[in-house]
């Protein structure tokens, strides 16, 4: 016997909810339990809980309970994303049983559903309101960049971007001309589209109605204030442009990564075929709190973001107790303070970097610190920032057992996990992933 449509649809959408939660909340463990349901109208609720490490979501006859470690409770942005996912799925579910809603909200079913989660997060208040909400326009802009990312122009990767105005009365808005056109996927079929803006310095300017008003230099619209969380230097103007407004910037980078900026920070990244909620504010605060030196934490976090954007690997280690840990982690020949014989003819590696002895990572020029971090090996320092080793191949004091995760990881990851026993570690992978290790634990990824 076939299921009635309402029950088949509810089962389908509950599966979509579970898939979305597992995608965006991979750090959580899940419990699912059946609960009595008085209706099947598609209303989804996030139930309040006194434990910030527990998130409870109820839909139809099912309650999903997500648990994370108590020392890393759910952040404000994670709860906000859970609500956005619920808003999208509930709106779609209601629309399939209401022809009028289906007619009014046809945009709900366009493009990838993951893009809708992102757009609802960025403008939850407008989701499902009217024939085309601002959240729909954000999702359409993301779809344009998705399609552009599949193309090349004269055998070169394409980069592009868009500045989406948050308000009709925005000071930089202007009435569209009679020849204005909408920012849609149709533009990607025009070759010249890929040369009009590069996403790094220039962006399409699009109003609340989705019409292209102009091509602008993003630096002109960057707020003169400061950011509350570091951002890759190349995209600092993009974050600043959204710092004191409801404007949103979406960019396709030369590495074919979609970056979305809102509220003065990069909010999302689309890479390796999936969306990532970056939650930079919460992650930066965890990193800075562990390091215990705000200036050093800021400099290393900023450098890691710049190297990630350039797709260059690096490893930063901040030792808690150098007097005990340095000898266990770094060979004498790699220690900056270790006395070395002075060669007469051919300089040694230690002589090559002798000028770094006694220097502090906080005082180095940013470009110099980036250059040092690019060298093979780790950049090791104490909690004041004093450099202890540069380009050091870290010692593994205990060989990994065959069943250990260390036995299957790459060299940089293995070194990072080992160093995490002695201090705070930032690992930057060449695919752009930044990972924070502390006390042999993988704390977060960006």
Protein backbone atom coordinates (compact mmCIF):
# COMPACT_ATOMS: atom_id res chain seq x y z
CA UNK A 1 0.00 0.00 0.00
CA UNK A 2 1.40 3.37 -1.01
CA UNK A 3 1.84 6.12 1.57
CA UNK A 4 -0.46 9.16 1.42
CA UNK A 5 1.37 12.11 -0.20
CA UNK A 6 1.54 14.08 3.03
CA UNK A 7 3.38 11.26 4.84
CA UNK A 8 5.68 10.56 1.90
CA UNK A 9 6.57 14.25 1.71
CA UNK A 10 7.13 14.50 5.46
CA UNK A 11 9.50 11.51 5.35
CA UNK A 12 11.39 13.04 2.42
CA UNK A 13 11.78 16.42 4.10
CA UNK A 14 12.80 14.89 7.40
CA UNK A 15 15.59 13.10 5.50
CA UNK A 16 16.61 16.42 3.93
CA UNK A 17 16.74 17.97 7.39
CA UNK A 18 18.95 15.20 8.72
CA UNK A 19 21.29 15.47 5.72
CA UNK A 20 21.63 19.24 6.16
CA UNK A 21 22.30 18.96 9.89
CA UNK A 22 24.95 16.30 9.35
CA UNK A 23 26.60 18.40 6.64
CA UNK A 24 26.85 21.63 8.59
CA UNK A 25 27.17 20.17 12.10
CA UNK A 26 29.66 17.38 11.51
CA UNK A 27 31.21 17.99 14.93
CA UNK A 28 27.95 17.01 16.65
CA UNK A 29 26.60 13.60 17.57
CA UNK A 30 22.96 12.86 16.71
CA UNK A 31 20.06 11.23 18.44
CA UNK A 32 16.67 10.78 16.77
CA UNK A 33 13.53 9.82 18.62
CA UNK A 34 9.87 9.58 17.69
CA UNK A 35 7.53 12.00 19.45
CA UNK A 36 3.75 12.52 19.23
CA UNK A 37 2.85 15.09 16.57
CA UNK A 38 -0.48 16.91 16.56
CA UNK A 39 -0.16 18.19 13.01
CA UNK A 40 1.69 17.80 9.73
CA UNK A 41 1.64 21.38 8.53
CA UNK A 42 5.41 21.57 8.12
CA UNK A 43 6.12 23.74 11.13
CA UNK A 44 9.61 23.17 12.48
CA UNK A 45 10.69 24.27 15.94
CA UNK A 46 14.00 24.51 17.76
CA UNK A 47 13.13 23.70 21.33
CA UNK A 48 14.78 25.65 24.13
CA UNK A 49 17.27 23.86 26.35
CA UNK A 50 19.21 24.91 29.42
CA UNK A 51 22.33 23.19 28.08
CA UNK A 52 24.15 25.27 25.39
CA UNK A 53 25.88 22.12 24.15
CA UNK A 54 22.54 20.53 23.19
CA UNK A 55 20.36 21.58 20.25
CA UNK A 56 16.90 20.04 19.92
CA UNK A 57 14.93 20.26 16.67
CA UNK A 58 11.40 18.93 16.36
CA UNK A 59 9.60 18.35 13.08
CA UNK A 60 6.55 16.22 12.33
CA UNK A 61 6.79 13.18 14.60
CA UNK A 62 10.55 13.27 15.12
CA UNK A 63 12.85 15.01 17.56
CA UNK A 64 16.51 15.39 16.57
CA UNK A 65 18.93 16.04 19.42
CA UNK A 66 22.42 17.30 18.59
CA UNK A 67 25.21 17.11 21.16
CA UNK A 68 28.61 18.82 21.10
CA UNK A 69 31.33 18.83 23.81
CA UNK A 70 30.41 21.09 26.73
CA UNK A 71 33.70 22.99 26.41
CA UNK A 72 32.68 23.96 22.86
CA UNK A 73 28.92 24.66 22.98
CA UNK A 74 26.85 25.65 19.99
CA UNK A 75 27.61 29.17 18.84
CA UNK A 76 25.12 31.89 17.99
CA UNK A 77 25.79 31.44 14.29
CA UNK A 78 25.32 27.67 14.45
CA UNK A 79 21.88 28.09 16.03
CA UNK A 80 21.08 30.75 13.46
CA UNK A 81 22.03 28.35 10.63
CA UNK A 82 19.86 25.60 12.11
CA UNK A 83 16.92 28.03 12.06
CA UNK A 84 17.73 28.98 8.45
CA UNK A 85 17.75 25.33 7.37
CA UNK A 86 14.40 24.86 9.08
CA UNK A 87 12.95 27.94 7.40
CA UNK A 88 13.91 26.71 3.94
CA UNK A 89 12.61 23.19 4.37
CA UNK A 90 9.39 24.28 6.07
CA UNK A 91 8.68 26.84 3.33
CA UNK A 92 9.26 24.25 0.60
CA UNK A 93 7.13 21.67 2.35
CA UNK A 94 4.18 24.03 2.75
CA UNK A 95 4.45 25.18 -0.86
CA UNK A 96 4.10 21.71 -2.39
CA UNK A 97 0.65 21.34 -0.77
CA UNK A 98 -0.56 24.86 -1.54
CA UNK A 99 -0.80 25.78 -5.24
CA UNK A 100 -1.04 29.47 -4.38
CA UNK A 101 2.19 29.36 -2.38
CA UNK A 102 3.85 27.35 -5.14
CA UNK A 103 2.89 30.08 -7.60
CA UNK A 104 4.05 32.89 -5.30
CA UNK A 105 7.26 31.19 -4.16
CA UNK A 106 8.52 29.36 -7.23
CA UNK A 107 12.02 30.70 -6.51
CA UNK A 108 12.17 28.38 -3.48
CA UNK A 109 12.82 25.43 -5.77
CA UNK A 110 15.51 27.00 -7.97
CA UNK A 111 19.15 25.95 -7.75
CA UNK A 112 20.88 23.88 -5.09
CA UNK A 113 19.04 23.65 -1.80
CA UNK A 114 22.31 24.26 0.10
CA UNK A 115 22.48 27.73 -1.48
CA UNK A 116 19.04 28.41 0.00
CA UNK A 117 20.28 27.54 3.48
CA UNK A 118 23.08 30.08 3.08
CA UNK A 119 20.80 32.81 1.73
CA UNK A 120 18.23 32.25 4.49
CA UNK A 121 21.02 32.57 7.08
CA UNK A 122 22.11 35.87 5.54
CA UNK A 123 18.60 37.34 5.35
CA UNK A 124 16.27 35.20 7.42
CA UNK A 125 13.70 37.96 7.92
CA UNK A 126 12.78 38.06 4.24
CA UNK A 127 12.73 34.34 3.56
CA UNK A 128 9.50 33.19 1.97
CA UNK A 129 8.05 36.72 2.02
CA UNK A 130 6.68 37.97 -1.29
CA UNK A 131 7.17 36.62 -4.79
CA UNK A 132 10.93 37.12 -4.65
CA UNK A 133 12.63 37.85 -1.35
CA UNK A 134 16.12 39.19 -0.82
CA UNK A 135 17.13 35.69 0.27
CA UNK A 136 16.09 34.49 -3.19
CA UNK A 137 18.26 37.19 -4.79
CA UNK A 138 21.24 36.11 -2.70
CA UNK A 139 20.74 32.49 -3.79
CA UNK A 140 20.51 33.62 -7.42
CA UNK A 141 23.79 35.53 -7.10
CA UNK A 142 25.45 32.43 -5.66
CA UNK A 143 24.09 30.38 -8.55
CA UNK A 144 25.70 32.82 -11.02
CA UNK A 145 29.09 32.31 -9.35
CA UNK A 146 28.59 28.53 -9.25
CA UNK A 147 28.11 28.45 -13.04
CA UNK A 148 30.99 30.88 -13.62
CA UNK A 149 33.23 28.58 -11.58
CA UNK A 150 32.68 25.82 -14.15
CA UNK A 151 34.08 27.97 -16.95
CA UNK A 152 37.44 29.32 -18.05
CA UNK A 153 38.30 32.34 -20.14
CA UNK A 154 41.28 32.11 -22.50
CA UNK A 155 42.51 29.08 -20.50
CA UNK A 156 42.60 31.09 -17.26
CA UNK A 157 40.48 30.55 -14.14
CA UNK A 158 37.59 32.95 -13.80
CA UNK A 159 37.12 35.21 -10.81
CA UNK A 160 34.14 37.47 -10.35
CA UNK A 161 31.96 38.98 -7.66
CA UNK A 162 28.91 40.98 -6.69
CA UNK A 163 28.00 43.59 -4.07
CA UNK A 164 24.34 43.13 -3.10
CA UNK A 165 22.84 46.25 -1.56
CA UNK A 166 20.87 45.73 1.62
CA UNK A 167 18.49 48.70 1.40
CA UNK A 168 16.83 50.64 -1.39
CA UNK A 169 17.90 53.89 0.24
CA UNK A 170 21.53 52.80 0.46
CA UNK A 171 23.74 55.88 -0.19
CA UNK A 172 25.52 54.14 -3.06
CA UNK A 173 22.28 53.01 -4.72
CA UNK A 174 20.95 54.80 -7.77
CA UNK A 175 17.88 54.33 -9.95
CA UNK A 176 18.49 51.67 -12.59
CA UNK A 177 18.68 52.89 -16.16
CA UNK A 178 16.19 51.87 -18.79
CA UNK A 179 18.75 49.36 -20.11
CA UNK A 180 19.53 47.80 -16.74
CA UNK A 181 19.53 43.99 -16.65
CA UNK A 182 19.05 41.46 -13.84
CA UNK A 183 22.00 39.64 -12.29
CA UNK A 184 21.11 36.08 -13.29
CA UNK A 185 22.67 32.91 -14.64
CA UNK A 186 21.94 34.11 -18.19
CA UNK A 187 24.94 36.46 -17.92
CA UNK A 188 27.36 33.55 -17.73
CA UNK A 189 26.72 32.75 -21.39
CA UNK A 190 28.27 36.08 -22.45
CA UNK A 191 32.06 35.92 -22.75
CA UNK A 192 32.54 39.58 -21.91
CA UNK A 193 30.86 38.97 -18.55
CA UNK A 194 34.06 37.32 -17.31
CA UNK A 195 36.20 40.37 -18.09
CA UNK A 196 34.03 43.11 -16.65
CA UNK A 197 35.05 42.53 -13.02
CA UNK A 198 37.63 40.38 -11.28
CA UNK A 199 36.02 39.93 -7.87
CA UNK A 200 39.17 41.09 -6.09
CA UNK A 201 39.11 44.81 -6.91
CA UNK A 202 35.94 45.24 -8.92
CA UNK A 203 32.41 43.92 -8.40
CA UNK A 204 28.98 44.16 -9.98
CA UNK A 205 26.72 46.46 -7.96
CA UNK A 206 23.20 44.98 -7.64
CA UNK A 207 20.18 46.56 -5.96
CA UNK A 208 17.40 45.02 -3.85
CA UNK A 209 15.44 44.23 -7.00
CA UNK A 210 18.29 42.20 -8.46
CA UNK A 211 19.16 44.75 -11.16
CA UNK A 212 22.77 45.52 -12.07
CA UNK A 213 23.44 49.21 -11.39
CA UNK A 214 27.15 49.51 -12.05
CA UNK A 215 30.62 47.98 -11.86
CA UNK A 216 32.45 49.39 -8.83
CA UNK A 217 35.84 49.26 -7.14
CA UNK A 218 35.27 47.58 -3.79
CA UNK A 219 37.92 49.67 -2.04
CA UNK A 220 35.74 52.78 -2.44
CA UNK A 221 32.97 51.21 -0.38
CA UNK A 222 35.10 49.70 2.38
CA UNK A 223 34.20 51.18 5.75
CA UNK A 224 37.06 53.10 7.35
CA UNK A 225 36.63 51.28 10.67
CA UNK A 226 38.31 48.13 11.94
CA UNK A 227 37.23 44.51 11.76
CA UNK A 228 36.40 42.58 14.92
CA UNK A 229 37.93 39.41 13.45
CA UNK A 230 40.87 39.09 11.01
CA UNK A 231 40.24 38.58 7.30
CA UNK A 232 42.58 37.58 4.45
CA UNK A 233 44.30 40.79 3.32
CA UNK A 234 43.09 40.42 -0.28
CA UNK A 235 39.48 40.44 0.90
CA UNK A 236 39.67 42.89 3.77
CA UNK A 237 37.84 45.59 1.68
CA UNK A 238 35.06 43.09 1.00
CA UNK A 239 34.53 42.48 4.71
CA UNK A 240 34.75 46.18 5.53
CA UNK A 241 32.12 46.97 2.87
CA UNK A 242 29.62 44.91 4.88
CA UNK A 243 30.72 46.00 8.37
CA UNK A 244 28.10 48.71 9.03
CA UNK A 245 25.36 47.86 6.59
CA UNK A 246 23.13 45.04 5.42
CA UNK A 247 25.13 44.78 2.20
CA UNK A 248 26.47 41.35 1.20
CA UNK A 249 29.46 40.53 -0.97
CA UNK A 250 29.81 37.22 -2.83
CA UNK A 251 33.01 36.43 -4.69
CA UNK A 252 34.33 33.63 -6.88
CA UNK A 253 38.06 33.55 -6.15
CA UNK A 254 40.78 32.57 -8.65
CA UNK A 255 41.01 29.26 -6.74
CA UNK A 256 37.33 28.63 -7.65
CA UNK A 257 36.18 29.10 -4.07
CA UNK A 258 32.99 31.06 -3.43
CA UNK A 259 33.43 33.44 -0.50
CA UNK A 260 30.46 35.20 1.09
CA UNK A 261 30.95 38.26 3.31
CA UNK A 262 28.39 39.76 5.68
CA UNK A 263 28.38 41.71 8.94
CA UNK A 264 32.06 42.60 8.61
CA UNK A 265 33.47 39.09 8.17
CA UNK A 266 33.61 36.17 5.78
CA UNK A 267 30.57 34.13 6.73
CA UNK A 268 30.66 31.17 4.32
CA UNK A 269 33.02 29.38 1.98
CA UNK A 270 32.10 26.97 -0.81
CA UNK A 271 35.03 24.68 -1.56
CA UNK A 272 35.53 20.98 -2.20
CA UNK A 273 31.93 20.81 -3.45
CA UNK A 274 30.30 21.82 -0.16
CA UNK A 275 29.40 24.86 1.93
CA UNK A 276 31.20 25.64 5.17
CA UNK A 277 29.93 27.96 7.91
CA UNK A 278 33.17 29.66 8.95
CA UNK A 279 31.97 31.21 12.23
CA UNK A 280 35.23 33.16 12.37
CA UNK A 281 34.35 35.25 15.41
CA UNK A 282 33.78 32.24 17.68
CA UNK A 283 36.79 30.35 16.34
CA UNK A 284 39.10 33.33 16.62
CA UNK A 285 38.03 33.85 20.23
CA UNK A 286 38.81 30.20 21.04
CA UNK A 287 42.25 30.54 19.43
CA UNK A 288 43.06 33.85 21.13
CA UNK A 289 41.90 32.54 24.50
CA UNK A 290 44.13 29.48 24.21
CA UNK A 291 47.22 31.49 23.15
CA UNK A 292 46.71 34.05 25.92
CA UNK A 293 48.39 36.86 23.96
CA UNK A 294 45.95 38.88 21.83
CA UNK A 295 48.57 40.57 19.67
CA UNK A 296 50.31 37.29 18.86
CA UNK A 297 47.04 35.42 18.31
CA UNK A 298 45.86 38.14 15.91
CA UNK A 299 49.11 38.15 13.92
CA UNK A 300 49.24 34.36 13.51
CA UNK A 301 45.52 34.07 12.68
CA UNK A 302 45.85 36.82 10.07
CA UNK A 303 48.93 35.19 8.54
CA UNK A 304 47.18 31.81 8.42
CA UNK A 305 44.23 33.36 6.56
CA UNK A 306 46.55 35.01 4.03
CA UNK A 307 48.44 31.77 3.40
CA UNK A 308 45.17 29.85 3.10
CA UNK A 309 43.90 32.32 0.52
CA UNK A 310 47.15 31.88 -1.44
CA UNK A 311 46.83 28.08 -1.11
CA UNK A 312 50.20 27.77 0.63
CA UNK A 313 50.84 25.43 3.54
CA UNK A 314 52.29 26.38 6.93
CA UNK A 315 52.53 25.25 10.54
CA UNK A 316 52.62 27.58 13.57
CA UNK A 317 53.39 26.24 17.05
CA UNK A 318 53.05 28.32 20.23
CA UNK A 319 54.69 26.38 23.08
CA UNK A 320 53.21 26.52 26.57
CA UNK A 321 56.49 25.63 28.33
CA UNK A 322 59.48 26.00 25.97
CA UNK A 323 62.00 24.98 28.64
CA UNK A 324 60.49 21.50 28.66
CA UNK A 325 58.90 21.16 25.23
CA UNK A 326 61.46 22.62 22.82
CA UNK A 327 64.04 19.86 23.24
CA UNK A 328 61.34 17.20 22.81
CA UNK A 329 59.89 18.77 19.68
CA UNK A 330 62.77 20.46 17.82
CA UNK A 331 66.20 19.01 17.07
CA UNK A 332 69.14 21.10 18.41
CA UNK A 333 70.28 21.96 14.90
CA UNK A 334 66.92 23.59 14.15
CA UNK A 335 66.77 25.68 17.33
CA UNK A 336 67.57 29.34 16.73
CA UNK A 337 69.26 29.77 20.12
CA UNK A 338 71.45 26.69 19.79
CA UNK A 339 75.15 27.63 19.35
CA UNK A 340 76.47 26.76 15.89
CA UNK A 341 79.96 26.65 14.50
CA UNK A 342 80.68 29.47 12.05
CA UNK A 343 81.80 28.20 8.66
CA UNK A 344 84.45 30.09 6.76
CA UNK A 345 83.53 29.27 3.19
CA UNK A 346 80.03 27.86 2.75
CA UNK A 347 77.34 29.35 5.07
CA UNK A 348 75.18 26.86 6.92
CA UNK A 349 71.41 26.98 7.23
CA UNK A 350 71.75 28.26 10.78
CA UNK A 351 73.87 31.16 9.55
CA UNK A 352 71.35 31.89 6.83
CA UNK A 353 68.64 32.65 9.39
CA UNK A 354 70.85 33.95 12.20
CA UNK A 355 69.18 37.37 12.01
CA UNK A 356 65.99 35.80 13.38
CA UNK A 357 67.61 34.89 16.67
CA UNK A 358 65.84 36.73 19.48
CA UNK A 359 63.22 38.21 17.13
CA UNK A 360 59.51 38.30 17.90
CA UNK A 361 56.78 37.18 15.50
CA UNK A 362 54.61 40.12 16.57
CA UNK A 363 57.25 42.61 15.41
CA UNK A 364 58.07 41.09 12.03
CA UNK A 365 56.57 42.66 8.93
CA UNK A 366 53.52 40.61 7.85
CA UNK A 367 55.13 39.74 4.50
CA UNK A 368 58.28 38.53 6.28
CA UNK A 369 56.31 36.29 8.63
CA UNK A 370 54.40 34.87 5.64
CA UNK A 371 57.69 34.18 3.87
CA UNK A 372 59.13 32.38 6.90
CA UNK A 373 55.98 30.31 7.32
CA UNK A 374 56.17 29.13 3.68
CA UNK A 375 59.44 27.32 4.30
CA UNK A 376 59.21 23.57 4.82
CA UNK A 377 58.71 22.74 8.47
CA UNK A 378 57.21 24.55 11.44
CA UNK A 379 57.54 28.06 12.83
CA UNK A 380 57.89 27.57 16.59
CA UNK A 381 57.66 30.31 19.23
CA UNK A 382 56.84 30.88 22.88
CA UNK A 383 53.74 32.66 24.18
CA UNK A 384 55.38 36.07 23.97
CA UNK A 385 56.01 35.48 20.24
CA UNK A 386 59.80 34.99 20.52
CA UNK A 387 60.94 32.80 17.62
CA UNK A 388 62.49 29.51 18.71
CA UNK A 389 62.70 27.70 15.36
CA UNK A 390 61.89 28.41 11.72
CA UNK A 391 61.43 25.72 9.08
CA UNK A 392 61.89 23.03 11.73
CA UNK A 393 61.09 19.39 11.05
CA UNK A 394 59.33 18.43 14.27
CA UNK A 395 60.34 15.35 16.22
CA UNK A 396 57.80 12.60 16.85
CA UNK A 397 58.64 11.44 20.33
CA UNK A 398 56.30 8.45 20.05
CA UNK A 399 55.92 6.50 16.76
CA UNK A 400 52.26 6.04 15.86
CA UNK A 401 50.65 2.69 16.43
CA UNK A 402 49.14 0.97 13.36
CA UNK A 403 45.60 1.72 14.59
CA UNK A 404 46.40 5.36 15.46
CA UNK A 405 45.04 8.23 13.36
CA UNK A 406 48.63 9.50 13.15
CA UNK A 407 49.50 6.50 11.00
CA UNK A 408 47.22 7.57 8.15
CA UNK A 409 47.67 11.36 8.18
CA UNK A 410 50.02 13.46 6.05
CA UNK A 411 53.35 14.72 7.38
CA UNK A 412 52.10 18.23 8.25
CA UNK A 413 48.99 16.90 10.00
CA UNK A 414 51.01 14.34 11.92
CA UNK A 415 53.44 17.06 13.02
CA UNK A 416 50.54 19.32 14.05
CA UNK A 417 48.88 16.61 16.14
CA UNK A 418 52.18 15.82 17.85
CA UNK A 419 52.95 19.49 18.54
CA UNK A 420 49.47 19.95 19.98
CA UNK A 421 50.63 18.10 23.10
CA UNK A 422 53.05 20.93 23.85
CA UNK A 423 51.12 24.02 22.79
CA UNK A 424 48.62 25.65 20.47
CA UNK A 425 49.01 24.82 16.76
CA UNK A 426 47.64 26.37 13.56
CA UNK A 427 48.02 24.17 10.49
CA UNK A 428 47.40 25.62 7.03
CA UNK A 429 46.89 23.10 4.23
CA UNK A 430 47.58 23.78 0.59
CA UNK A 431 43.89 23.21 -0.18
CA UNK A 432 43.03 26.23 1.98
CA UNK A 433 41.93 24.43 5.16
CA UNK A 434 43.07 25.92 8.49
CA UNK A 435 43.00 23.64 11.55
CA UNK A 436 43.55 24.46 15.22
CA UNK A 437 45.07 21.74 17.42
CA UNK A 438 45.40 21.97 21.18
CA UNK A 439 46.41 19.25 23.68
CA UNK A 440 46.34 16.55 21.03
CA UNK A 441 42.80 17.56 20.01
CA UNK A 442 41.51 18.90 16.74
CA UNK A 443 39.55 21.92 17.99
CA UNK A 444 38.16 23.43 14.78
CA UNK A 445 38.57 23.79 11.01
CA UNK A 446 38.12 26.84 8.80
